[in-house]
Amino acid sequence: MTLSVGNFCCTSKEADYPDNMENALHRPHEPVTNRSLSDMDRDHLIHPVTSFRGHEAHGVRILESGEGMWLTDIDGRRMIDAFAGLWCVNVGYGHESIVEVAAEQMRRLPYATGYFHFGSEPAIRLAEELTSLAPDGLDHVFFTLGG
């Protein structure tokens, strides 16, 4: 059985996958250390644009939090996020006004497809706003989930 989460996919060997997934999502996590997370990462996670041998030799830097343009790893080291979360957080991290609006929208309608003549108020309003800012002649928007 295959699990897809966004653009991520993995295969389960278990026939009773849904029960196992339900248990995995709700079981309490044991306290973890940087070392145990590193082991789990090495054993189960694929990192794009990263060689397996290099990753195995050097390990992972585990990110724990973000604030503004700063990321902090599990060891407390701070660094500038020069990739803007790989173009996903171009306004930075931890802006409460964005968090509140996003949480409200997630409760109401976390996703709505644009396929097959479907639309949603947030997408329609954002498209209108974006086209009002664009040069003349650019009057349509196509939203996508990634690059």
N, C-alpha and C. Protein backbone atom coordinates (compact mmCIF):
# COMPACT_ATOMS: atom_id res chain seq x y z
N MET A 1 0.85 -1.17 0.00
CA MET A 1 0.00 0.00 0.00
C MET A 1 0.89 1.23 0.00
N THR A 2 0.47 2.32 -0.63
CA THR A 2 1.27 3.52 -0.76
C THR A 2 0.61 4.68 -0.02
N LEU A 3 1.43 5.42 0.69
CA LEU A 3 0.98 6.62 1.40
C LEU A 3 1.50 7.83 0.66
N SER A 4 0.64 8.73 0.27
CA SER A 4 1.06 9.98 -0.35
C SER A 4 0.70 11.12 0.56
N VAL A 5 1.66 11.98 0.84
CA VAL A 5 1.43 13.18 1.63
C VAL A 5 2.01 14.32 0.81
N GLY A 6 1.15 15.16 0.25
CA GLY A 6 1.64 16.21 -0.65
C GLY A 6 2.36 15.57 -1.81
N ASN A 7 3.62 15.91 -1.97
CA ASN A 7 4.42 15.32 -3.04
C ASN A 7 5.25 14.15 -2.55
N PHE A 8 5.03 13.71 -1.32
CA PHE A 8 5.81 12.64 -0.75
C PHE A 8 5.05 11.33 -0.83
N CYS A 9 5.76 10.24 -0.95
CA CYS A 9 5.12 8.95 -1.14
C CYS A 9 5.98 7.87 -0.49
N CYS A 10 5.36 6.93 0.14
CA CYS A 10 6.10 5.78 0.66
C CYS A 10 5.21 4.56 0.58
N THR A 11 5.81 3.39 0.71
CA THR A 11 5.07 2.14 0.57
C THR A 11 5.05 1.40 1.90
N SER A 12 3.90 0.88 2.27
CA SER A 12 3.75 0.09 3.48
C SER A 12 3.76 -1.38 3.14
N LYS A 13 4.39 -2.18 3.99
CA LYS A 13 4.40 -3.63 3.79
C LYS A 13 3.24 -4.29 4.52
N GLU A 14 2.53 -3.52 5.33
CA GLU A 14 1.48 -4.07 6.16
C GLU A 14 0.16 -4.13 5.40
N ALA A 15 -0.54 -5.24 5.51
CA ALA A 15 -1.84 -5.40 4.86
C ALA A 15 -2.89 -4.54 5.55
N ASP A 16 -2.76 -4.37 6.87
CA ASP A 16 -3.76 -3.60 7.62
C ASP A 16 -3.28 -2.16 7.81
N TYR A 17 -2.80 -1.58 6.77
CA TYR A 17 -2.21 -0.25 6.77
C TYR A 17 -3.06 0.82 7.46
N PRO A 18 -4.36 0.96 7.14
CA PRO A 18 -5.12 2.04 7.78
C PRO A 18 -5.11 1.98 9.30
N ASP A 19 -5.23 0.77 9.89
CA ASP A 19 -5.19 0.66 11.34
C ASP A 19 -3.82 1.06 11.87
N ASN A 20 -2.77 0.60 11.20
CA ASN A 20 -1.42 0.97 11.64
C ASN A 20 -1.20 2.47 11.54
N MET A 21 -1.70 3.10 10.48
CA MET A 21 -1.53 4.53 10.31
C MET A 21 -2.27 5.27 11.42
N GLU A 22 -3.48 4.86 11.72
CA GLU A 22 -4.25 5.49 12.79
C GLU A 22 -3.49 5.39 14.10
N ASN A 23 -2.95 4.21 14.40
CA ASN A 23 -2.17 4.03 15.63
C ASN A 23 -0.92 4.91 15.62
N ALA A 24 -0.25 4.97 14.49
CA ALA A 24 0.98 5.76 14.40
C ALA A 24 0.71 7.24 14.60
N LEU A 25 -0.41 7.73 14.10
CA LEU A 25 -0.73 9.15 14.22
C LEU A 25 -1.11 9.55 15.63
N HIS A 26 -1.65 8.62 16.42
CA HIS A 26 -2.14 8.96 17.75
C HIS A 26 -1.32 8.42 18.91
N ARG A 27 -0.32 7.59 18.64
CA ARG A 27 0.46 7.09 19.77
C ARG A 27 1.39 8.20 20.27
N PRO A 28 1.59 8.24 21.59
CA PRO A 28 2.47 9.28 22.14
C PRO A 28 3.91 9.05 21.69
N HIS A 29 4.58 10.15 21.36
CA HIS A 29 5.98 10.05 20.95
C HIS A 29 6.85 9.96 22.20
N GLU A 30 7.81 9.06 22.15
CA GLU A 30 8.77 8.98 23.24
C GLU A 30 9.71 10.17 23.13
N PRO A 31 10.29 10.59 24.26
CA PRO A 31 11.27 11.67 24.18
C PRO A 31 12.39 11.27 23.22
N VAL A 32 12.78 12.19 22.37
CA VAL A 32 13.81 11.88 21.40
C VAL A 32 15.01 12.77 21.61
N THR A 33 16.13 12.25 21.26
CA THR A 33 17.36 13.02 21.31
C THR A 33 17.78 13.31 19.88
N ASN A 34 18.72 14.21 19.74
CA ASN A 34 19.23 14.52 18.41
C ASN A 34 19.73 13.24 17.74
N ARG A 35 20.37 12.37 18.50
CA ARG A 35 20.92 11.13 17.94
C ARG A 35 19.81 10.20 17.44
N SER A 36 18.75 10.00 18.22
CA SER A 36 17.70 9.09 17.77
C SER A 36 16.96 9.67 16.56
N LEU A 37 16.75 10.97 16.51
CA LEU A 37 16.15 11.59 15.33
C LEU A 37 17.06 11.43 14.12
N SER A 38 18.36 11.58 14.33
CA SER A 38 19.32 11.38 13.24
C SER A 38 19.25 9.97 12.69
N ASP A 39 19.14 9.01 13.58
CA ASP A 39 19.02 7.61 13.14
C ASP A 39 17.74 7.40 12.34
N MET A 40 16.62 7.92 12.84
CA MET A 40 15.35 7.78 12.11
C MET A 40 15.43 8.47 10.75
N ASP A 41 16.04 9.64 10.72
CA ASP A 41 16.20 10.37 9.47
C ASP A 41 17.00 9.54 8.47
N ARG A 42 18.14 9.06 8.89
CA ARG A 42 19.01 8.27 8.01
C ARG A 42 18.29 7.02 7.51
N ASP A 43 17.52 6.39 8.37
CA ASP A 43 16.87 5.13 8.03
C ASP A 43 15.62 5.29 7.16
N HIS A 44 14.98 6.48 7.18
CA HIS A 44 13.66 6.57 6.55
C HIS A 44 13.39 7.77 5.66
N LEU A 45 14.26 8.77 5.65
CA LEU A 45 13.93 10.01 4.94
C LEU A 45 14.88 10.25 3.78
N ILE A 46 14.32 10.58 2.63
CA ILE A 46 15.12 10.93 1.46
C ILE A 46 15.22 12.45 1.41
N HIS A 47 16.45 12.97 1.27
CA HIS A 47 16.68 14.41 1.17
C HIS A 47 17.03 14.76 -0.27
N PRO A 48 16.23 15.61 -0.92
CA PRO A 48 16.53 15.99 -2.30
C PRO A 48 17.89 16.67 -2.41
N VAL A 49 18.54 16.51 -3.54
CA VAL A 49 19.82 17.14 -3.86
C VAL A 49 20.86 16.82 -2.79
N THR A 50 20.84 15.60 -2.29
CA THR A 50 21.76 15.16 -1.24
C THR A 50 22.22 13.76 -1.58
N SER A 51 23.54 13.53 -1.55
CA SER A 51 24.02 12.17 -1.82
C SER A 51 23.78 11.30 -0.59
N PHE A 52 23.37 10.07 -0.84
CA PHE A 52 23.13 9.15 0.28
C PHE A 52 24.40 8.94 1.09
N ARG A 53 25.53 8.74 0.42
CA ARG A 53 26.79 8.50 1.15
C ARG A 53 27.20 9.72 1.96
N GLY A 54 27.10 10.89 1.37
CA GLY A 54 27.45 12.11 2.10
C GLY A 54 26.54 12.33 3.29
N HIS A 55 25.26 12.06 3.10
CA HIS A 55 24.30 12.24 4.19
C HIS A 55 24.57 11.24 5.31
N GLU A 56 24.88 10.02 4.93
CA GLU A 56 25.18 9.01 5.94
C GLU A 56 26.43 9.38 6.72
N ALA A 57 27.42 9.95 6.05
CA ALA A 57 28.67 10.32 6.71
C ALA A 57 28.52 11.56 7.60
N HIS A 58 27.76 12.55 7.14
CA HIS A 58 27.68 13.82 7.86
C HIS A 58 26.42 13.98 8.70
N GLY A 59 25.40 13.21 8.41
CA GLY A 59 24.16 13.30 9.19
C GLY A 59 23.30 14.48 8.79
N VAL A 60 22.30 14.73 9.59
CA VAL A 60 21.28 15.74 9.31
C VAL A 60 21.37 16.86 10.34
N ARG A 61 21.09 18.07 9.93
CA ARG A 61 20.91 19.17 10.87
C ARG A 61 19.40 19.31 11.06
N ILE A 62 18.92 19.00 12.23
CA ILE A 62 17.48 18.93 12.49
C ILE A 62 16.97 20.30 12.91
N LEU A 63 16.08 20.85 12.10
CA LEU A 63 15.50 22.16 12.39
C LEU A 63 14.36 22.01 13.38
N GLU A 64 14.30 22.95 14.32
CA GLU A 64 13.29 22.88 15.37
C GLU A 64 12.29 24.04 15.31
N SER A 65 12.77 25.23 14.95
CA SER A 65 11.86 26.38 14.95
C SER A 65 12.36 27.45 14.00
N GLY A 66 11.48 28.40 13.73
CA GLY A 66 11.83 29.53 12.89
C GLY A 66 11.19 30.79 13.43
N GLU A 67 11.90 31.92 13.27
CA GLU A 67 11.38 33.21 13.69
C GLU A 67 11.94 34.27 12.76
N GLY A 68 11.03 34.98 12.08
CA GLY A 68 11.49 35.96 11.09
C GLY A 68 12.27 35.26 10.00
N MET A 69 13.53 35.68 9.80
CA MET A 69 14.37 35.04 8.78
C MET A 69 15.29 33.97 9.38
N TRP A 70 15.16 33.70 10.67
CA TRP A 70 16.07 32.80 11.37
C TRP A 70 15.47 31.41 11.57
N LEU A 71 16.30 30.39 11.41
CA LEU A 71 15.97 29.01 11.76
C LEU A 71 16.84 28.61 12.93
N THR A 72 16.32 27.76 13.80
CA THR A 72 17.09 27.25 14.92
C THR A 72 17.04 25.74 14.87
N ASP A 73 18.23 25.11 15.00
CA ASP A 73 18.25 23.65 14.98
C ASP A 73 18.07 23.10 16.38
N ILE A 74 17.98 21.79 16.48
CA ILE A 74 17.68 21.12 17.75
C ILE A 74 18.78 21.33 18.80
N ASP A 75 19.98 21.73 18.34
CA ASP A 75 21.09 22.01 19.26
C ASP A 75 21.16 23.49 19.64
N GLY A 76 20.18 24.29 19.18
CA GLY A 76 20.15 25.70 19.54
C GLY A 76 20.94 26.60 18.60
N ARG A 77 21.53 26.07 17.55
CA ARG A 77 22.28 26.90 16.59
C ARG A 77 21.30 27.64 15.69
N ARG A 78 21.53 28.96 15.53
CA ARG A 78 20.68 29.78 14.66
C ARG A 78 21.36 30.02 13.33
N MET A 79 20.55 30.07 12.29
CA MET A 79 21.08 30.35 10.95
C MET A 79 20.04 31.11 10.15
N ILE A 80 20.49 31.88 9.18
CA ILE A 80 19.57 32.59 8.29
C ILE A 80 19.01 31.59 7.28
N ASP A 81 17.71 31.64 7.07
CA ASP A 81 17.08 30.79 6.05
C ASP A 81 17.20 31.50 4.70
N ALA A 82 18.31 31.28 4.03
CA ALA A 82 18.58 31.94 2.75
C ALA A 82 17.74 31.37 1.61
N PHE A 83 17.03 30.28 1.84
CA PHE A 83 16.18 29.69 0.81
C PHE A 83 14.71 30.07 0.98
N ALA A 84 14.37 30.82 2.01
CA ALA A 84 12.97 31.14 2.33
C ALA A 84 12.15 29.87 2.38
N GLY A 85 12.65 28.86 3.09
CA GLY A 85 11.94 27.59 3.17
C GLY A 85 11.75 26.99 1.80
N LEU A 86 12.76 27.16 0.94
CA LEU A 86 12.71 26.74 -0.46
C LEU A 86 11.52 27.40 -1.15
N TRP A 87 11.42 28.71 -0.97
CA TRP A 87 10.43 29.57 -1.61
C TRP A 87 9.02 29.39 -1.06
N CYS A 88 8.87 28.78 0.09
CA CYS A 88 7.53 28.56 0.66
C CYS A 88 7.20 29.52 1.79
N VAL A 89 8.19 30.15 2.38
CA VAL A 89 7.95 31.07 3.50
C VAL A 89 8.66 32.39 3.23
N ASN A 90 8.32 33.01 2.13
CA ASN A 90 9.02 34.23 1.74
C ASN A 90 8.70 35.43 2.62
N VAL A 91 7.80 35.32 3.56
CA VAL A 91 7.55 36.39 4.53
C VAL A 91 8.20 36.07 5.87
N GLY A 92 8.93 34.97 5.96
CA GLY A 92 9.57 34.59 7.21
C GLY A 92 8.68 33.73 8.08
N TYR A 93 9.17 33.43 9.27
CA TYR A 93 8.51 32.51 10.19
C TYR A 93 7.89 33.24 11.37
N GLY A 94 6.80 32.69 11.89
CA GLY A 94 6.25 33.11 13.18
C GLY A 94 5.47 34.40 13.18
N HIS A 95 4.97 34.86 12.05
CA HIS A 95 4.15 36.07 12.04
C HIS A 95 2.74 35.70 12.51
N GLU A 96 2.38 36.15 13.70
CA GLU A 96 1.11 35.76 14.32
C GLU A 96 -0.10 36.08 13.46
N SER A 97 -0.08 37.22 12.78
CA SER A 97 -1.24 37.58 11.95
C SER A 97 -1.44 36.56 10.84
N ILE A 98 -0.36 36.06 10.26
CA ILE A 98 -0.46 35.05 9.21
C ILE A 98 -0.89 33.71 9.81
N VAL A 99 -0.33 33.37 10.97
CA VAL A 99 -0.68 32.11 11.64
C VAL A 99 -2.17 32.08 11.96
N GLU A 100 -2.70 33.18 12.49
CA GLU A 100 -4.12 33.23 12.86
C GLU A 100 -5.03 33.08 11.64
N VAL A 101 -4.72 33.81 10.57
CA VAL A 101 -5.55 33.73 9.36
C VAL A 101 -5.46 32.34 8.75
N ALA A 102 -4.25 31.76 8.72
CA ALA A 102 -4.08 30.42 8.15
C ALA A 102 -4.83 29.38 8.98
N ALA A 103 -4.76 29.49 10.31
CA ALA A 103 -5.47 28.53 11.17
C ALA A 103 -6.98 28.63 10.96
N GLU A 104 -7.48 29.85 10.84
CA GLU A 104 -8.91 30.04 10.60
C GLU A 104 -9.32 29.40 9.27
N GLN A 105 -8.51 29.62 8.24
CA GLN A 105 -8.83 29.04 6.93
C GLN A 105 -8.71 27.51 6.97
N MET A 106 -7.73 26.98 7.69
CA MET A 106 -7.57 25.52 7.80
C MET A 106 -8.79 24.89 8.46
N ARG A 107 -9.38 25.58 9.44
CA ARG A 107 -10.58 25.05 10.08
C ARG A 107 -11.77 25.07 9.12
N ARG A 108 -11.85 26.09 8.29
CA ARG A 108 -13.00 26.25 7.40
C ARG A 108 -12.88 25.41 6.13
N LEU A 109 -11.80 25.58 5.40
CA LEU A 109 -11.62 24.87 4.14
C LEU A 109 -10.12 24.86 3.84
N PRO A 110 -9.41 23.81 4.27
CA PRO A 110 -7.96 23.80 4.11
C PRO A 110 -7.49 23.71 2.67
N TYR A 111 -8.30 23.15 1.79
CA TYR A 111 -7.92 23.02 0.39
C TYR A 111 -9.17 22.93 -0.45
N ALA A 112 -9.13 23.55 -1.60
CA ALA A 112 -10.21 23.41 -2.57
C ALA A 112 -9.58 23.34 -3.96
N THR A 113 -9.94 22.34 -4.70
CA THR A 113 -9.39 22.17 -6.03
C THR A 113 -9.92 23.25 -6.97
N GLY A 114 -9.14 23.55 -7.98
CA GLY A 114 -9.58 24.44 -9.03
C GLY A 114 -9.99 23.67 -10.28
N TYR A 115 -9.84 22.36 -10.22
CA TYR A 115 -10.19 21.50 -11.35
C TYR A 115 -11.70 21.38 -11.49
N PHE A 116 -12.15 21.02 -12.68
CA PHE A 116 -13.55 20.66 -12.97
C PHE A 116 -14.54 21.75 -12.56
N HIS A 117 -14.19 23.01 -12.80
CA HIS A 117 -15.09 24.15 -12.55
C HIS A 117 -15.30 24.45 -11.06
N PHE A 118 -14.45 23.92 -10.17
CA PHE A 118 -14.56 24.26 -8.75
C PHE A 118 -13.75 25.51 -8.44
N GLY A 119 -14.20 26.28 -7.48
CA GLY A 119 -13.48 27.45 -7.01
C GLY A 119 -13.74 27.66 -5.54
N SER A 120 -13.03 28.59 -4.94
CA SER A 120 -13.26 28.93 -3.53
C SER A 120 -13.04 30.43 -3.36
N GLU A 121 -13.69 31.00 -2.38
CA GLU A 121 -13.60 32.44 -2.16
C GLU A 121 -12.16 32.91 -1.97
N PRO A 122 -11.33 32.25 -1.12
CA PRO A 122 -9.96 32.74 -0.96
C PRO A 122 -9.17 32.75 -2.27
N ALA A 123 -9.30 31.71 -3.08
CA ALA A 123 -8.57 31.66 -4.34
C ALA A 123 -9.06 32.74 -5.30
N ILE A 124 -10.36 32.94 -5.37
CA ILE A 124 -10.93 33.94 -6.28
C ILE A 124 -10.48 35.34 -5.88
N ARG A 125 -10.56 35.64 -4.58
CA ARG A 125 -10.16 36.97 -4.11
C ARG A 125 -8.65 37.21 -4.29
N LEU A 126 -7.84 36.18 -4.02
CA LEU A 126 -6.40 36.33 -4.20
C LEU A 126 -6.05 36.53 -5.68
N ALA A 127 -6.70 35.79 -6.56
CA ALA A 127 -6.46 35.95 -7.99
C ALA A 127 -6.79 37.38 -8.44
N GLU A 128 -7.90 37.91 -7.96
CA GLU A 128 -8.27 39.28 -8.32
C GLU A 128 -7.22 40.27 -7.81
N GLU A 129 -6.78 40.09 -6.58
CA GLU A 129 -5.77 40.99 -6.01
C GLU A 129 -4.45 40.91 -6.78
N LEU A 130 -4.00 39.71 -7.09
CA LEU A 130 -2.75 39.54 -7.82
C LEU A 130 -2.82 40.17 -9.21
N THR A 131 -3.93 39.97 -9.91
CA THR A 131 -4.03 40.54 -11.25
C THR A 131 -4.15 42.06 -11.20
N SER A 132 -4.66 42.62 -10.11
CA SER A 132 -4.72 44.08 -10.00
C SER A 132 -3.32 44.67 -9.83
N LEU A 133 -2.38 43.88 -9.34
CA LEU A 133 -1.00 44.34 -9.16
C LEU A 133 -0.12 44.06 -10.37
N ALA A 134 -0.57 43.19 -11.25
CA ALA A 134 0.23 42.76 -12.40
C ALA A 134 0.14 43.78 -13.54
N PRO A 135 1.12 43.75 -14.44
CA PRO A 135 1.05 44.63 -15.63
C PRO A 135 -0.19 44.32 -16.47
N ASP A 136 -0.60 45.30 -17.25
CA ASP A 136 -1.76 45.12 -18.14
C ASP A 136 -1.57 43.90 -19.02
N GLY A 137 -2.66 43.18 -19.22
CA GLY A 137 -2.62 41.99 -20.07
C GLY A 137 -2.39 40.70 -19.29
N LEU A 138 -1.87 40.81 -18.07
CA LEU A 138 -1.72 39.62 -17.22
C LEU A 138 -2.93 39.58 -16.30
N ASP A 139 -3.96 38.89 -16.74
CA ASP A 139 -5.22 38.97 -16.02
C ASP A 139 -5.78 37.63 -15.56
N HIS A 140 -4.95 36.59 -15.62
CA HIS A 140 -5.36 35.27 -15.12
C HIS A 140 -4.25 34.69 -14.26
N VAL A 141 -4.65 33.91 -13.27
CA VAL A 141 -3.71 33.29 -12.33
C VAL A 141 -3.94 31.79 -12.32
N PHE A 142 -2.86 31.03 -12.25
CA PHE A 142 -2.94 29.58 -12.09
C PHE A 142 -2.22 29.23 -10.80
N PHE A 143 -2.95 28.74 -9.80
CA PHE A 143 -2.35 28.37 -8.52
C PHE A 143 -1.88 26.93 -8.59
N THR A 144 -0.73 26.68 -7.98
CA THR A 144 -0.18 25.33 -7.94
C THR A 144 0.35 25.05 -6.55
N LEU A 145 0.59 23.80 -6.24
CA LEU A 145 1.06 23.41 -4.90
C LEU A 145 2.57 23.45 -4.77
N GLY A 146 3.27 23.61 -5.85
CA GLY A 146 4.73 23.64 -5.78
C GLY A 146 5.33 24.10 -7.08
N GLY A 147 6.68 24.18 -7.09
CA GLY A 147 7.41 24.71 -8.22
C GLY A 147 7.24 23.97 -9.47
